Amino acid sequence: MPFGFLDASGTKNPDVFISKEAVGKLSKYWINLLKKGNIARLGNIILSTPDGDVKARKFNISLKEEHLKPALKESLDILREDMISKNPKNAKDLEKVFAQLEKMMDSAKIEKFLYEVYIDRDDYIVEDTVNLKISFPEDKSSGLVKSFELETTSTMWDMEKPVTIDFPAINKQNSMTLDELQKRGEFPEGVF
């Protein structure tokens, strides 16, 4: 599917998959959701940064499945609306993809969501980590995926230096070929 959304400068960029408006809606929704979570202050710590040690307060925010499932469904709705509005020629295929994603979410078990944040004395976030684990039943209702685990860490120092993204090594235990995915799931034709 050809995608081409406008980037921050207003130039059409095929690498930008969602609009700035959708990002704003998603951010607002998730920030409000995090405010409803179970917030625990875990004390003061010293973070080592390339510029030296920083005193910070550590907080954990955890959310339960009853908050997360509606949030993930709302996020899918925002993304669906945005992607279809930008790609009306592919609306039918996109609807099929999002229907499959919704079906997966209905059968999903959200095992863990934890947001860990470190805030410095000036009330700036200097580091945060998100841990999310979702599992799916072994039947066909989830389509292709048995489980999904995500851990991201963002550091807010060395802001004008190159970004490094570390991915785990890909092996047979944590990956499948495209052919294996298509054979195993109920993916709509023409998506790949």
C-alpha atoms as a PDB file:
ATOM      1  CA  MET A   1       0.000   0.000   0.000  1.00  0.00           C
ATOM      2  CA  PRO A   2       1.433   3.354  -0.886  1.00  0.00           C
ATOM      3  CA  PHE A   3       1.402   5.716   2.069  1.00  0.00           C
ATOM      4  CA  GLY A   4       2.535   9.295   1.932  1.00  0.00           C
ATOM      5  CA  PHE A   5       1.668  11.681   4.709  1.00  0.00           C
ATOM      6  CA  LEU A   6       2.877  15.176   5.383  1.00  0.00           C
ATOM      7  CA  ASP A   7       5.833  15.500   7.723  1.00  0.00           C
ATOM      8  CA  ALA A   8       6.306  18.330  10.230  1.00  0.00           C
ATOM      9  CA  SER A   9       7.523  20.704   7.497  1.00  0.00           C
ATOM     10  CA  GLY A  10       4.403  20.083   5.393  1.00  0.00           C
ATOM     11  CA  THR A  11       6.278  18.058   2.763  1.00  0.00           C
ATOM     12  CA  LYS A  12       4.823  14.757   1.561  1.00  0.00           C
ATOM     13  CA  ASN A  13       6.940  12.047   3.131  1.00  0.00           C
ATOM     14  CA  PRO A  14       6.287   8.324   2.497  1.00  0.00           C
ATOM     15  CA  ASP A  15       8.008   7.452   5.796  1.00  0.00           C
ATOM     16  CA  VAL A  16       5.417   9.339   7.886  1.00  0.00           C
ATOM     17  CA  PHE A  17       2.500   6.979   8.471  1.00  0.00           C
ATOM     18  CA  ILE A  18       0.205   9.065  10.640  1.00  0.00           C
ATOM     19  CA  SER A  19      -0.655  12.728  10.661  1.00  0.00           C
ATOM     20  CA  LYS A  20       0.372  15.287  13.241  1.00  0.00           C
ATOM     21  CA  GLU A  21      -3.305  15.598  14.234  1.00  0.00           C
ATOM     22  CA  ALA A  22      -3.562  11.861  14.951  1.00  0.00           C
ATOM     23  CA  VAL A  23      -0.365  11.972  17.006  1.00  0.00           C
ATOM     24  CA  GLY A  24      -1.879  14.855  18.998  1.00  0.00           C
ATOM     25  CA  LYS A  25      -5.115  12.922  19.627  1.00  0.00           C
ATOM     26  CA  LEU A  26      -3.200   9.815  20.677  1.00  0.00           C
ATOM     27  CA  SER A  27      -0.912  11.811  22.992  1.00  0.00           C
ATOM     28  CA  LYS A  28      -3.803  13.597  24.669  1.00  0.00           C
ATOM     29  CA  TYR A  29      -5.749  10.374  25.123  1.00  0.00           C
ATOM     30  CA  TRP A  30      -2.812   8.427  26.615  1.00  0.00           C
ATOM     31  CA  ILE A  31      -1.700  11.265  28.902  1.00  0.00           C
ATOM     32  CA  ASN A  32      -5.221  11.438  30.349  1.00  0.00           C
ATOM     33  CA  LEU A  33      -5.221   7.664  30.751  1.00  0.00           C
ATOM     34  CA  LEU A  34      -1.884   7.678  32.581  1.00  0.00           C
ATOM     35  CA  LYS A  35      -3.312  10.196  35.051  1.00  0.00           C
ATOM     36  CA  LYS A  36      -5.922   7.556  35.999  1.00  0.00           C
ATOM     37  CA  GLY A  37      -3.285   4.907  36.672  1.00  0.00           C
ATOM     38  CA  ASN A  38      -1.875   3.660  39.939  1.00  0.00           C
ATOM     39  CA  ILE A  39       0.993   6.100  40.568  1.00  0.00           C
ATOM     40  CA  ALA A  40       3.714   5.164  43.044  1.00  0.00           C
ATOM     41  CA  ARG A  41       6.613   7.385  44.032  1.00  0.00           C
ATOM     42  CA  LEU A  42       9.583   5.107  44.559  1.00  0.00           C
ATOM     43  CA  GLY A  43      11.971   7.631  46.059  1.00  0.00           C
ATOM     44  CA  ASN A  44      14.986   9.649  45.023  1.00  0.00           C
ATOM     45  CA  ILE A  45      17.840   8.188  42.998  1.00  0.00           C
ATOM     46  CA  ILE A  46      20.980   9.289  41.210  1.00  0.00           C
ATOM     47  CA  LEU A  47      20.996   8.726  37.425  1.00  0.00           C
ATOM     48  CA  SER A  48      24.324   8.569  35.638  1.00  0.00           C
ATOM     49  CA  THR A  49      24.279  10.519  32.380  1.00  0.00           C
ATOM     50  CA  PRO A  50      27.057  11.440  29.941  1.00  0.00           C
ATOM     51  CA  ASP A  51      26.985  14.941  31.450  1.00  0.00           C
ATOM     52  CA  GLY A  52      27.335  13.632  35.019  1.00  0.00           C
ATOM     53  CA  ASP A  53      25.066  12.417  37.782  1.00  0.00           C
ATOM     54  CA  VAL A  54      21.508  13.760  38.013  1.00  0.00           C
ATOM     55  CA  LYS A  55      19.297  13.621  41.086  1.00  0.00           C
ATOM     56  CA  ALA A  56      15.859  12.371  40.121  1.00  0.00           C
ATOM     57  CA  ARG A  57      12.582  11.172  41.598  1.00  0.00           C
ATOM     58  CA  LYS A  58      11.413   7.766  40.374  1.00  0.00           C
ATOM     59  CA  PHE A  59       7.726   7.103  39.685  1.00  0.00           C
ATOM     60  CA  ASN A  60       5.880   4.033  38.423  1.00  0.00           C
ATOM     61  CA  ILE A  61       2.493   4.206  36.756  1.00  0.00           C
ATOM     62  CA  SER A  62       0.711   0.911  36.213  1.00  0.00           C
ATOM     63  CA  LEU A  63      -2.545   0.381  34.373  1.00  0.00           C
ATOM     64  CA  LYS A  64      -4.874  -2.596  34.461  1.00  0.00           C
ATOM     65  CA  GLU A  65      -6.440  -4.419  31.545  1.00  0.00           C
ATOM     66  CA  GLU A  66      -9.849  -2.762  32.080  1.00  0.00           C
ATOM     67  CA  HIS A  67      -8.231   0.621  31.333  1.00  0.00           C
ATOM     68  CA  LEU A  68      -5.871  -0.538  28.614  1.00  0.00           C
ATOM     69  CA  LYS A  69      -8.222  -2.489  26.335  1.00  0.00           C
ATOM     70  CA  PRO A  70     -10.537   0.474  25.723  1.00  0.00           C
ATOM     71  CA  ALA A  71      -7.471   2.696  25.261  1.00  0.00           C
ATOM     72  CA  LEU A  72      -5.950   0.381  22.666  1.00  0.00           C
ATOM     73  CA  LYS A  73      -9.284   0.164  20.833  1.00  0.00           C
ATOM     74  CA  GLU A  74      -9.617   3.959  20.870  1.00  0.00           C
ATOM     75  CA  SER A  75      -6.058   4.213  19.533  1.00  0.00           C
ATOM     76  CA  LEU A  76      -6.931   1.820  16.704  1.00  0.00           C
ATOM     77  CA  ASP A  77      -9.987   3.953  15.878  1.00  0.00           C
ATOM     78  CA  ILE A  78      -7.853   7.107  15.725  1.00  0.00           C
ATOM     79  CA  LEU A  79      -5.294   5.378  13.502  1.00  0.00           C
ATOM     80  CA  ARG A  80      -7.991   3.849  11.266  1.00  0.00           C
ATOM     81  CA  GLU A  81      -9.704   7.179  10.729  1.00  0.00           C
ATOM     82  CA  ASP A  82      -6.403   8.911  10.018  1.00  0.00           C
ATOM     83  CA  MET A  83      -4.999   6.297   7.650  1.00  0.00           C
ATOM     84  CA  ILE A  84      -8.235   5.932   5.674  1.00  0.00           C
ATOM     85  CA  SER A  85      -8.641   9.706   5.345  1.00  0.00           C
ATOM     86  CA  LYS A  86      -5.112   9.911   3.932  1.00  0.00           C
ATOM     87  CA  ASN A  87      -5.437   6.796   1.738  1.00  0.00           C
ATOM     88  CA  PRO A  88      -9.056   6.600   0.511  1.00  0.00           C
ATOM     89  CA  LYS A  89      -8.046   4.354  -2.429  1.00  0.00           C
ATOM     90  CA  ASN A  90      -6.905   1.727   0.104  1.00  0.00           C
ATOM     91  CA  ALA A  91      -9.876   2.108   2.451  1.00  0.00           C
ATOM     92  CA  LYS A  92     -11.191  -1.404   1.846  1.00  0.00           C
ATOM     93  CA  ASP A  93      -7.831  -3.064   2.590  1.00  0.00           C
ATOM     94  CA  LEU A  94      -7.225  -0.833   5.599  1.00  0.00           C
ATOM     95  CA  GLU A  95     -10.659  -1.687   7.022  1.00  0.00           C
ATOM     96  CA  LYS A  96      -9.779  -5.386   6.751  1.00  0.00           C
ATOM     97  CA  VAL A  97      -6.461  -4.857   8.520  1.00  0.00           C
ATOM     98  CA  PHE A  98      -8.065  -2.854  11.327  1.00  0.00           C
ATOM     99  CA  ALA A  99     -10.901  -5.399  11.667  1.00  0.00           C
ATOM    100  CA  GLN A 100      -8.257  -8.109  12.177  1.00  0.00           C
ATOM    101  CA  LEU A 101      -6.444  -5.949  14.747  1.00  0.00           C
ATOM    102  CA  GLU A 102      -9.700  -5.352  16.643  1.00  0.00           C
ATOM    103  CA  LYS A 103     -10.420  -9.077  16.606  1.00  0.00           C
ATOM    104  CA  MET A 104      -6.976  -9.694  18.071  1.00  0.00           C
ATOM    105  CA  MET A 105      -7.534  -7.081  20.791  1.00  0.00           C
ATOM    106  CA  ASP A 106     -10.864  -8.661  21.760  1.00  0.00           C
ATOM    107  CA  SER A 107      -9.144 -11.978  22.489  1.00  0.00           C
ATOM    108  CA  ALA A 108      -6.003 -10.431  23.994  1.00  0.00           C
ATOM    109  CA  LYS A 109      -4.903 -10.735  27.612  1.00  0.00           C
ATOM    110  CA  ILE A 110      -2.947  -7.694  28.750  1.00  0.00           C
ATOM    111  CA  GLU A 111      -0.516  -9.145  31.246  1.00  0.00           C
ATOM    112  CA  LYS A 112       1.523  -6.064  32.077  1.00  0.00           C
ATOM    113  CA  PHE A 113       1.699  -2.333  31.561  1.00  0.00           C
ATOM    114  CA  LEU A 114       4.208  -0.338  33.544  1.00  0.00           C
ATOM    115  CA  TYR A 115       5.448   3.183  32.863  1.00  0.00           C
ATOM    116  CA  GLU A 116       8.555   4.090  34.837  1.00  0.00           C
ATOM    117  CA  VAL A 117       9.681   7.709  34.813  1.00  0.00           C
ATOM    118  CA  TYR A 118      12.584   9.675  36.315  1.00  0.00           C
ATOM    119  CA  ILE A 119      12.012  13.392  36.909  1.00  0.00           C
ATOM    120  CA  ASP A 120      14.809  15.820  37.759  1.00  0.00           C
ATOM    121  CA  ARG A 121      14.712  18.694  40.252  1.00  0.00           C
ATOM    122  CA  ASP A 122      13.467  21.087  37.531  1.00  0.00           C
ATOM    123  CA  ASP A 123      10.502  18.745  36.879  1.00  0.00           C
ATOM    124  CA  TYR A 124      11.839  17.554  33.520  1.00  0.00           C
ATOM    125  CA  ILE A 125      11.608  13.913  32.538  1.00  0.00           C
ATOM    126  CA  VAL A 126      15.188  12.705  32.123  1.00  0.00           C
ATOM    127  CA  GLU A 127      14.398   9.055  31.402  1.00  0.00           C
ATOM    128  CA  ASP A 128      11.334   6.870  30.991  1.00  0.00           C
ATOM    129  CA  THR A 129      10.614   3.226  30.268  1.00  0.00           C
ATOM    130  CA  VAL A 130       7.429   1.534  29.060  1.00  0.00           C
ATOM    131  CA  ASN A 131       6.877  -2.204  29.574  1.00  0.00           C
ATOM    132  CA  LEU A 132       3.913  -3.844  27.861  1.00  0.00           C
ATOM    133  CA  LYS A 133       3.092  -7.534  27.523  1.00  0.00           C
ATOM    134  CA  ILE A 134       0.051  -8.893  25.683  1.00  0.00           C
ATOM    135  CA  SER A 135      -0.728 -12.546  25.024  1.00  0.00           C
ATOM    136  CA  PHE A 136      -3.287 -14.131  22.711  1.00  0.00           C
ATOM    137  CA  PRO A 137      -5.118 -17.461  22.867  1.00  0.00           C
ATOM    138  CA  GLU A 138      -3.831 -20.327  20.744  1.00  0.00           C
ATOM    139  CA  ASP A 139      -6.976 -20.395  18.619  1.00  0.00           C
ATOM    140  CA  LYS A 140      -7.395 -18.567  15.296  1.00  0.00           C
ATOM    141  CA  SER A 141      -9.114 -15.536  16.854  1.00  0.00           C
ATOM    142  CA  SER A 142      -5.812 -13.740  17.296  1.00  0.00           C
ATOM    143  CA  GLY A 143      -4.600 -14.505  13.792  1.00  0.00           C
ATOM    144  CA  LEU A 144      -0.844 -14.479  13.608  1.00  0.00           C
ATOM    145  CA  VAL A 145       0.510 -13.510  16.985  1.00  0.00           C
ATOM    146  CA  LYS A 146       0.944 -15.608  20.181  1.00  0.00           C
ATOM    147  CA  SER A 147       2.292 -12.780  22.302  1.00  0.00           C
ATOM    148  CA  PHE A 148       3.636  -9.287  22.052  1.00  0.00           C
ATOM    149  CA  GLU A 149       6.158  -7.788  24.395  1.00  0.00           C
ATOM    150  CA  LEU A 150       7.479  -4.257  24.190  1.00  0.00           C
ATOM    151  CA  GLU A 151      10.012  -2.411  26.281  1.00  0.00           C
ATOM    152  CA  THR A 152      11.133   1.060  25.312  1.00  0.00           C
ATOM    153  CA  THR A 153      13.483   3.375  27.139  1.00  0.00           C
ATOM    154  CA  SER A 154      13.847   7.029  26.255  1.00  0.00           C
ATOM    155  CA  THR A 155      16.613   9.201  27.618  1.00  0.00           C
ATOM    156  CA  MET A 156      16.347  12.962  27.483  1.00  0.00           C
ATOM    157  CA  TRP A 157      19.994  13.951  27.465  1.00  0.00           C
ATOM    158  CA  ASP A 158      22.483  14.391  24.621  1.00  0.00           C
ATOM    159  CA  MET A 159      19.493  15.809  22.752  1.00  0.00           C
ATOM    160  CA  GLU A 160      21.330  16.982  19.636  1.00  0.00           C
ATOM    161  CA  LYS A 161      23.400  13.851  19.104  1.00  0.00           C
ATOM    162  CA  PRO A 162      22.640  10.894  16.796  1.00  0.00           C
ATOM    163  CA  VAL A 163      19.834   8.548  17.876  1.00  0.00           C
ATOM    164  CA  THR A 164      20.624   4.891  18.541  1.00  0.00           C
ATOM    165  CA  ILE A 165      17.960   2.204  18.263  1.00  0.00           C
ATOM    166  CA  ASP A 166      18.887  -1.257  19.510  1.00  0.00           C
ATOM    167  CA  PHE A 167      16.802  -4.199  18.304  1.00  0.00           C
ATOM    168  CA  PRO A 168      17.171  -7.734  19.654  1.00  0.00           C
ATOM    169  CA  ALA A 169      18.899 -10.330  17.491  1.00  0.00           C
ATOM    170  CA  ILE A 170      16.418 -12.002  15.148  1.00  0.00           C
ATOM    171  CA  ASN A 171      16.272 -15.789  15.362  1.00  0.00           C
ATOM    172  CA  LYS A 172      13.853 -18.660  14.701  1.00  0.00           C
ATOM    173  CA  GLN A 173      12.325 -18.383  18.194  1.00  0.00           C
ATOM    174  CA  ASN A 174      11.269 -14.745  17.877  1.00  0.00           C
ATOM    175  CA  SER A 175      10.446 -14.382  14.187  1.00  0.00           C
ATOM    176  CA  MET A 176       8.634 -15.821  11.168  1.00  0.00           C
ATOM    177  CA  THR A 177       8.978 -15.418   7.441  1.00  0.00           C
ATOM    178  CA  LEU A 178       6.262 -13.574   5.543  1.00  0.00           C
ATOM    179  CA  ASP A 179       5.140 -16.887   4.013  1.00  0.00           C
ATOM    180  CA  GLU A 180       4.789 -18.431   7.485  1.00  0.00           C
ATOM    181  CA  LEU A 181       2.721 -15.447   8.643  1.00  0.00           C
ATOM    182  CA  GLN A 182       0.391 -15.667   5.653  1.00  0.00           C
ATOM    183  CA  LYS A 183      -0.098 -19.443   6.021  1.00  0.00           C
ATOM    184  CA  ARG A 184      -0.785 -19.211   9.744  1.00  0.00           C
ATOM    185  CA  GLY A 185      -3.182 -16.293   9.929  1.00  0.00           C
ATOM    186  CA  GLU A 186      -6.319 -14.862   8.498  1.00  0.00           C
ATOM    187  CA  PHE A 187      -4.725 -11.835   6.925  1.00  0.00           C
ATOM    188  CA  PRO A 188      -6.761 -10.167   4.179  1.00  0.00           C
ATOM    189  CA  GLU A 189      -5.524 -10.782   0.666  1.00  0.00           C
ATOM    190  CA  GLY A 190      -3.482  -8.007  -0.853  1.00  0.00           C
ATOM    191  CA  VAL A 191      -2.173  -6.667   2.446  1.00  0.00           C
ATOM    192  CA  PHE A 192       1.314  -8.064   1.784  1.00  0.00           C
END
